[in-house]
Amino acid sequence: MTWAVKLIRGTFDANFTGKEYLHCLMVLMIEVIIFTAVFQMLYKIIERQVKINASLELM
């Protein structure tokens, strides 16, 4: 979230360079990829537990 806000603010700042923009964008993309991988893994774990228990209760 911080990197997205920095990118948005940087688009209106005259001193924000292209190098800073690419750095923020790359960090943001890496975070998105990591979060997507973690959430997919958690989804598979939860889905497996739901199929085993045949309910939405995980405990």
C-alpha atoms as a PDB file:
ATOM      1  CA  MET A   1       0.000   0.000   0.000  1.00  0.00           C
ATOM      2  CA  THR A   2       2.799   2.425   0.829  1.00  0.00           C
ATOM      3  CA  TRP A   3       4.484   1.879  -2.524  1.00  0.00           C
ATOM      4  CA  ALA A   4       1.247   2.476  -4.426  1.00  0.00           C
ATOM      5  CA  VAL A   5       0.704   5.763  -2.596  1.00  0.00           C
ATOM      6  CA  LYS A   6       4.310   6.773  -3.266  1.00  0.00           C
ATOM      7  CA  LEU A   7       3.809   6.060  -6.989  1.00  0.00           C
ATOM      8  CA  ILE A   8       0.623   8.108  -7.112  1.00  0.00           C
ATOM      9  CA  ARG A   9       2.206  11.029  -5.282  1.00  0.00           C
ATOM     10  CA  GLY A  10       5.327  10.757  -7.431  1.00  0.00           C
ATOM     11  CA  THR A  11       3.369  11.236 -10.639  1.00  0.00           C
ATOM     12  CA  PHE A  12       2.481  14.748  -9.473  1.00  0.00           C
ATOM     13  CA  ASP A  13       5.949  15.581  -8.114  1.00  0.00           C
ATOM     14  CA  ALA A  14       8.348  17.300 -10.492  1.00  0.00           C
ATOM     15  CA  ASN A  15      11.404  15.940  -8.620  1.00  0.00           C
ATOM     16  CA  PHE A  16      10.302  12.291  -8.870  1.00  0.00           C
ATOM     17  CA  THR A  17      12.678  10.648 -11.350  1.00  0.00           C
ATOM     18  CA  GLY A  18      12.057   7.744 -13.667  1.00  0.00           C
ATOM     19  CA  LYS A  19      14.536   5.651 -11.689  1.00  0.00           C
ATOM     20  CA  GLU A  20      12.565   6.200  -8.476  1.00  0.00           C
ATOM     21  CA  TYR A  21       9.353   5.393 -10.322  1.00  0.00           C
ATOM     22  CA  LEU A  22      10.736   2.093 -11.634  1.00  0.00           C
ATOM     23  CA  HIS A  23      12.090   1.195  -8.200  1.00  0.00           C
ATOM     24  CA  CYS A  24       8.707   1.757  -6.543  1.00  0.00           C
ATOM     25  CA  LEU A  25       6.928  -0.098  -9.320  1.00  0.00           C
ATOM     26  CA  MET A  26       9.257  -3.109  -9.069  1.00  0.00           C
ATOM     27  CA  VAL A  27       8.888  -3.317  -5.288  1.00  0.00           C
ATOM     28  CA  LEU A  28       5.111  -3.099  -5.640  1.00  0.00           C
ATOM     29  CA  MET A  29       5.044  -5.842  -8.299  1.00  0.00           C
ATOM     30  CA  ILE A  30       7.245  -8.119  -6.167  1.00  0.00           C
ATOM     31  CA  GLU A  31       4.910  -7.619  -3.203  1.00  0.00           C
ATOM     32  CA  VAL A  32       1.887  -8.430  -5.360  1.00  0.00           C
ATOM     33  CA  ILE A  33       3.529 -11.625  -6.631  1.00  0.00           C
ATOM     34  CA  ILE A  34       4.490 -12.742  -3.109  1.00  0.00           C
ATOM     35  CA  PHE A  35       1.034 -11.997  -1.682  1.00  0.00           C
ATOM     36  CA  THR A  36      -0.645 -13.796  -4.582  1.00  0.00           C
ATOM     37  CA  ALA A  37       1.490 -16.905  -4.038  1.00  0.00           C
ATOM     38  CA  VAL A  38       0.821 -16.921  -0.293  1.00  0.00           C
ATOM     39  CA  PHE A  39      -2.921 -16.424  -0.732  1.00  0.00           C
ATOM     40  CA  GLN A  40      -3.120 -19.204  -3.334  1.00  0.00           C
ATOM     41  CA  MET A  41      -1.314 -21.552  -0.954  1.00  0.00           C
ATOM     42  CA  LEU A  42      -3.659 -20.635   1.902  1.00  0.00           C
ATOM     43  CA  TYR A  43      -6.679 -21.075  -0.346  1.00  0.00           C
ATOM     44  CA  LYS A  44      -5.562 -24.593  -1.272  1.00  0.00           C
ATOM     45  CA  ILE A  45      -5.040 -25.493   2.391  1.00  0.00           C
ATOM     46  CA  ILE A  46      -8.471 -24.189   3.369  1.00  0.00           C
ATOM     47  CA  GLU A  47     -10.122 -25.869   0.394  1.00  0.00           C
ATOM     48  CA  ARG A  48      -8.527 -29.203   1.322  1.00  0.00           C
ATOM     49  CA  GLN A  49      -9.746 -28.894   4.928  1.00  0.00           C
ATOM     50  CA  VAL A  50     -13.263 -28.037   3.786  1.00  0.00           C
ATOM     51  CA  LYS A  51     -13.348 -31.106   1.522  1.00  0.00           C
ATOM     52  CA  ILE A  52     -12.034 -33.375   4.281  1.00  0.00           C
ATOM     53  CA  ASN A  53     -14.466 -32.094   6.923  1.00  0.00           C
ATOM     54  CA  ALA A  54     -17.321 -31.545   4.467  1.00  0.00           C
ATOM     55  CA  SER A  55     -18.084 -28.233   6.184  1.00  0.00           C
ATOM     56  CA  LEU A  56     -16.803 -24.698   6.362  1.00  0.00           C
ATOM     57  CA  GLU A  57     -15.582 -25.165   9.954  1.00  0.00           C
ATOM     58  CA  LEU A  58     -11.810 -25.441  10.043  1.00  0.00           C
ATOM     59  CA  MET A  59     -11.453 -26.584  13.650  1.00  0.00           C
END
